N, C-alpha and C. Protein backbone atom coordinates (compact mmCIF):
# COMPACT_ATOMS: atom_id res chain seq x y z
N UNK A 1 0.95 -1.22 -0.08
CA UNK A 1 -0.16 0.21 0.23
C UNK A 1 0.96 1.39 0.03
N UNK A 2 0.28 2.40 -0.96
CA UNK A 2 1.46 3.25 -0.98
C UNK A 2 0.41 4.69 -0.10
N UNK A 3 0.92 5.36 0.94
CA UNK A 3 0.52 6.15 1.47
C UNK A 3 2.03 7.54 1.18
N UNK A 4 0.58 8.66 1.06
CA UNK A 4 1.11 9.95 0.69
C UNK A 4 0.59 11.00 1.39
N UNK A 5 1.68 11.99 1.77
CA UNK A 5 1.53 12.99 2.90
C UNK A 5 2.04 14.46 2.31
N UNK A 6 1.58 15.36 1.72
CA UNK A 6 1.91 16.66 1.02
C UNK A 6 2.64 17.06 2.19
N UNK A 7 4.15 17.95 2.00
CA UNK A 7 4.48 18.00 3.28
C UNK A 7 4.84 20.02 2.42
N UNK A 8 4.95 20.10 1.40
CA UNK A 8 5.12 21.37 1.09
C UNK A 8 4.16 21.56 0.02
N UNK A 9 3.85 23.16 -0.17
CA UNK A 9 2.93 23.40 -1.03
C UNK A 9 3.50 24.09 -2.31
N UNK A 10 2.53 24.12 -3.47
CA UNK A 10 3.14 24.28 -5.11
C UNK A 10 3.37 25.91 -4.53
N UNK A 11 4.44 26.44 -5.30
CA UNK A 11 4.60 25.98 -6.87
C UNK A 11 6.00 25.16 -6.74
N UNK A 12 6.72 24.57 -5.52
CA UNK A 12 7.63 23.49 -5.48
C UNK A 12 6.99 22.82 -4.31
N UNK A 13 5.83 21.62 -4.74
CA UNK A 13 5.35 20.95 -3.78
C UNK A 13 6.73 19.64 -3.12
N UNK A 14 6.08 19.02 -2.01
CA UNK A 14 6.87 17.91 -1.94
C UNK A 14 5.93 17.04 -1.13
N UNK A 15 6.23 16.04 -1.00
CA UNK A 15 5.53 15.03 -0.65
C UNK A 15 6.10 13.74 0.30
N UNK A 16 5.64 13.25 1.20
CA UNK A 16 6.16 12.20 1.73
C UNK A 16 5.33 10.84 1.24
N UNK A 17 6.29 9.79 0.91
CA UNK A 17 5.51 8.68 0.34
C UNK A 17 5.92 7.31 1.26
N UNK A 18 5.52 6.80 1.66
CA UNK A 18 5.80 5.34 2.46
C UNK A 18 5.05 4.17 1.23
N UNK A 19 5.86 3.17 1.52
CA UNK A 19 5.90 1.96 0.85
C UNK A 19 6.31 0.82 1.67
N UNK A 20 5.48 0.26 2.32
CA UNK A 20 6.01 -0.89 3.35
C UNK A 20 7.16 -0.66 3.83
N UNK A 21 7.15 0.38 4.55
CA UNK A 21 8.08 0.28 5.42
C UNK A 21 9.11 1.50 4.72
N UNK A 22 9.25 1.59 3.86
CA UNK A 22 10.45 2.60 3.16
C UNK A 22 9.61 3.73 2.91
N UNK A 23 10.42 4.98 3.13
CA UNK A 23 10.08 6.52 2.88
C UNK A 23 10.79 6.97 1.54
N UNK A 24 10.27 7.83 1.41
CA UNK A 24 10.66 8.38 0.01
C UNK A 24 10.08 9.98 0.10
N UNK A 25 11.08 10.83 -0.39
CA UNK A 25 10.34 12.44 -0.44
C UNK A 25 10.79 12.73 -1.94
N UNK A 26 9.34 13.21 -2.48
CA UNK A 26 9.39 13.26 -3.93
C UNK A 26 9.13 14.93 -3.97
N UNK A 27 9.84 15.50 -5.00
CA UNK A 27 9.42 16.90 -5.19
C UNK A 27 8.68 17.11 -6.79
N UNK A 28 7.72 18.04 -6.84
CA UNK A 28 6.44 18.02 -7.78
C UNK A 28 6.64 19.65 -8.06
N UNK A 29 7.20 20.32 -9.11
CA UNK A 29 6.82 21.74 -9.58
C UNK A 29 5.39 21.79 -10.03
N UNK A 30 4.79 22.79 -9.56
CA UNK A 30 3.46 23.37 -10.03
C UNK A 30 3.42 22.91 -11.61
N UNK A 31 4.27 23.53 -12.56
CA UNK A 31 4.28 23.40 -13.79
C UNK A 31 4.37 22.12 -14.37
N UNK A 32 5.35 21.00 -13.81
CA UNK A 32 5.12 19.71 -14.18
C UNK A 32 3.81 19.03 -13.78
N UNK A 33 3.37 19.47 -12.74
CA UNK A 33 2.08 18.63 -12.34
C UNK A 33 1.01 19.13 -13.53
N UNK A 34 0.65 20.52 -13.93
CA UNK A 34 0.01 20.74 -15.06
C UNK A 34 0.34 20.09 -16.24
N UNK A 35 1.47 19.76 -16.72
CA UNK A 35 1.91 19.45 -17.91
C UNK A 35 1.42 17.63 -17.78
N UNK A 36 1.60 17.30 -17.01
CA UNK A 36 1.54 15.69 -17.09
C UNK A 36 -0.37 15.41 -16.46
N UNK A 37 -0.88 16.25 -16.16
CA UNK A 37 -2.43 16.10 -15.64
C UNK A 37 -3.39 17.07 -16.01
N UNK A 38 -3.14 18.59 -16.42
CA UNK A 38 -3.99 19.38 -17.02
C UNK A 38 -4.54 19.74 -15.81
N UNK A 39 -4.48 19.44 -14.20
CA UNK A 39 -5.05 19.55 -13.36
C UNK A 39 -6.65 18.60 -13.07
N UNK A 40 -6.83 17.66 -13.76
CA UNK A 40 -7.51 16.70 -13.80
C UNK A 40 -7.72 15.49 -12.85
N UNK A 41 -6.39 15.56 -12.17
CA UNK A 41 -5.99 14.67 -10.88
C UNK A 41 -5.43 15.25 -9.94
N UNK A 42 -5.83 15.02 -8.54
CA UNK A 42 -5.05 15.90 -7.27
C UNK A 42 -3.78 15.39 -7.45
N UNK A 43 -2.57 16.00 -7.13
CA UNK A 43 -1.32 15.95 -7.19
C UNK A 43 -1.04 14.38 -6.09
N UNK A 44 -1.63 14.11 -5.50
CA UNK A 44 -1.48 12.85 -4.40
C UNK A 44 -1.99 11.91 -5.19
N UNK A 45 -2.89 12.20 -6.08
CA UNK A 45 -3.20 10.82 -7.42
C UNK A 45 -1.83 10.88 -8.22
N UNK A 46 -1.29 11.72 -8.74
CA UNK A 46 -0.30 11.68 -9.61
C UNK A 46 0.97 10.92 -8.96
N UNK A 47 1.12 11.16 -7.72
CA UNK A 47 2.02 10.83 -7.24
C UNK A 47 2.00 9.15 -6.66
N UNK A 48 0.80 8.92 -6.63
CA UNK A 48 0.60 7.25 -6.41
C UNK A 48 0.69 6.98 -7.69
N UNK A 49 0.18 7.35 -8.86
CA UNK A 49 0.40 6.61 -9.73
C UNK A 49 1.76 6.48 -10.53
N UNK A 50 2.37 7.18 -10.09
CA UNK A 50 4.01 7.02 -10.44
C UNK A 50 4.58 6.18 -9.67
N UNK A 51 4.28 6.27 -8.28
CA UNK A 51 4.80 4.99 -7.65
C UNK A 51 4.45 3.84 -8.23
N UNK A 52 3.33 3.32 -8.53
CA UNK A 52 2.36 2.34 -9.27
C UNK A 52 3.71 1.95 -10.68
N UNK A 53 3.86 3.06 -11.18
CA UNK A 53 4.72 3.10 -12.30
C UNK A 53 6.14 2.38 -12.02
N UNK A 54 6.60 3.11 -11.23
CA UNK A 54 8.12 2.68 -10.75
C UNK A 54 8.08 1.10 -10.02
N UNK A 55 7.04 0.77 -9.22
CA UNK A 55 6.93 -0.58 -8.39
C UNK A 55 6.70 -1.79 -9.65
N UNK A 56 6.34 -1.42 -10.71
CA UNK A 56 5.85 -2.17 -11.55
C UNK A 56 7.31 -2.25 -12.18
N UNK A 57 8.28 -1.81 -12.12
CA UNK A 57 9.48 -1.92 -12.66
C UNK A 57 10.76 -2.21 -12.17
N UNK A 58 10.56 -2.05 -10.80
CA UNK A 58 11.92 -2.22 -10.04
C UNK A 58 11.34 -2.13 -8.52
N UNK A 59 12.14 -3.09 -7.84
CA UNK A 59 12.11 -3.23 -6.14
C UNK A 59 12.05 -1.78 -5.89
N UNK A 60 11.14 -1.48 -4.46
CA UNK A 60 11.17 -0.46 -3.58
C UNK A 60 12.67 -0.10 -3.23
N UNK A 61 13.53 -1.13 -2.68
CA UNK A 61 14.75 -0.80 -2.46
C UNK A 61 15.63 0.12 -3.32
N UNK A 62 15.08 -0.04 -4.89
CA UNK A 62 16.07 0.58 -6.04
C UNK A 62 15.51 1.83 -6.07
N UNK A 63 14.56 2.25 -5.59
CA UNK A 63 13.82 3.80 -5.75
C UNK A 63 14.71 4.47 -4.99
N UNK A 64 15.31 5.78 -5.54
CA UNK A 64 16.20 7.16 -4.64
C UNK A 64 15.14 7.22 -3.72
N UNK A 65 15.78 7.42 -2.60
CA UNK A 65 14.74 7.87 -1.34
C UNK A 65 14.38 9.41 -1.54
N UNK A 66 15.20 10.12 -2.37
CA UNK A 66 14.66 11.59 -2.47
C UNK A 66 14.89 11.87 -3.81
N UNK A 67 14.08 12.13 -4.50
CA UNK A 67 14.19 12.75 -6.23
C UNK A 67 12.63 13.80 -6.41
N UNK A 68 13.14 14.35 -7.42
CA UNK A 68 12.23 15.00 -8.12
C UNK A 68 11.08 14.17 -9.35
N UNK A 69 9.78 14.47 -9.30
CA UNK A 69 9.34 13.45 -10.23
C UNK A 69 9.88 13.61 -11.65
N UNK A 70 10.25 14.38 -12.54
CA UNK A 70 10.65 14.46 -14.03
C UNK A 70 11.96 13.63 -13.61
N UNK A 71 12.34 13.30 -12.80
CA UNK A 71 13.62 12.37 -12.68
C UNK A 71 13.48 11.08 -13.46
N UNK A 72 12.16 10.73 -13.00
CA UNK A 72 11.45 9.41 -13.30
C UNK A 72 11.72 9.14 -15.12
N UNK A 73 11.70 10.41 -15.53
CA UNK A 73 11.81 10.16 -17.22
C UNK A 73 12.89 10.01 -17.63
N UNK A 74 14.13 10.55 -17.04
CA UNK A 74 15.35 10.34 -17.12
C UNK A 74 15.75 8.65 -17.48
N UNK A 75 15.08 8.27 -16.48
CA UNK A 75 15.38 6.45 -16.44
C UNK A 75 14.43 5.76 -17.26
N UNK A 76 13.17 6.14 -17.02
CA UNK A 76 12.12 5.65 -17.81
C UNK A 76 11.24 6.70 -19.20
N UNK A 77 12.11 6.62 -20.36
CA UNK A 77 11.29 7.85 -21.14
C UNK A 77 9.84 7.67 -21.66
N UNK A 78 9.25 6.24 -21.02
CA UNK A 78 7.91 6.04 -21.50
C UNK A 78 6.88 6.29 -20.57
N UNK A 79 7.56 7.16 -19.23
CA UNK A 79 7.15 7.36 -18.34
C UNK A 79 5.71 8.58 -18.38
N UNK A 80 6.35 9.53 -18.72
CA UNK A 80 5.05 10.76 -18.99
C UNK A 80 3.86 10.06 -19.88
N UNK A 81 4.12 9.20 -20.88
CA UNK A 81 3.20 8.93 -22.09
C UNK A 81 2.25 7.92 -21.31
N UNK A 82 2.80 6.98 -20.34
CA UNK A 82 2.19 5.98 -19.57
C UNK A 82 1.17 6.98 -18.16
N UNK A 83 1.76 7.84 -17.83
CA UNK A 83 1.01 8.43 -16.69
C UNK A 83 -0.17 9.11 -17.39
N UNK A 84 0.07 9.83 -18.74
CA UNK A 84 -1.11 10.37 -19.48
C UNK A 84 -2.11 9.23 -19.77
N UNK A 85 -1.79 8.26 -20.04
CA UNK A 85 -2.90 7.07 -20.34
C UNK A 85 -3.22 6.55 -19.18
N UNK A 86 -2.95 6.40 -17.90
CA UNK A 86 -3.37 6.14 -17.04
C UNK A 86 -4.26 7.08 -16.15
N UNK A 87 -3.78 8.37 -16.96
CA UNK A 87 -4.97 9.40 -16.14
C UNK A 87 -6.27 9.56 -17.18
N UNK A 88 -6.21 8.75 -18.39
CA UNK A 88 -7.44 8.79 -19.28
C UNK A 88 -7.48 10.15 -20.14
N UNK A 89 -6.02 11.03 -20.15
CA UNK A 89 -5.80 12.27 -20.82
C UNK A 89 -5.52 12.18 -22.18
N UNK A 90 -5.42 10.68 -22.72
CA UNK A 90 -5.04 10.99 -24.07
C UNK A 90 -6.12 10.52 -24.87
């Protein structure tokens, strides 16, 4: 189960994400949030779907403990397209 708590507000939001005993800090700018979602889902939903994406590809121990959401794209170029699809935005 993925637990999410927003700890900083936009324009440079930060989220604490818990996954089965592991804790991560994720940064999300307002601009990137709008780019991926067009504000059609809440930020926490985007973070949850992003972690579902990551966990489908790697073990939780392999995920960086602190990162900004756009960094996922550097490792997985299909990330943005898949998040669009999951958000039913395509």
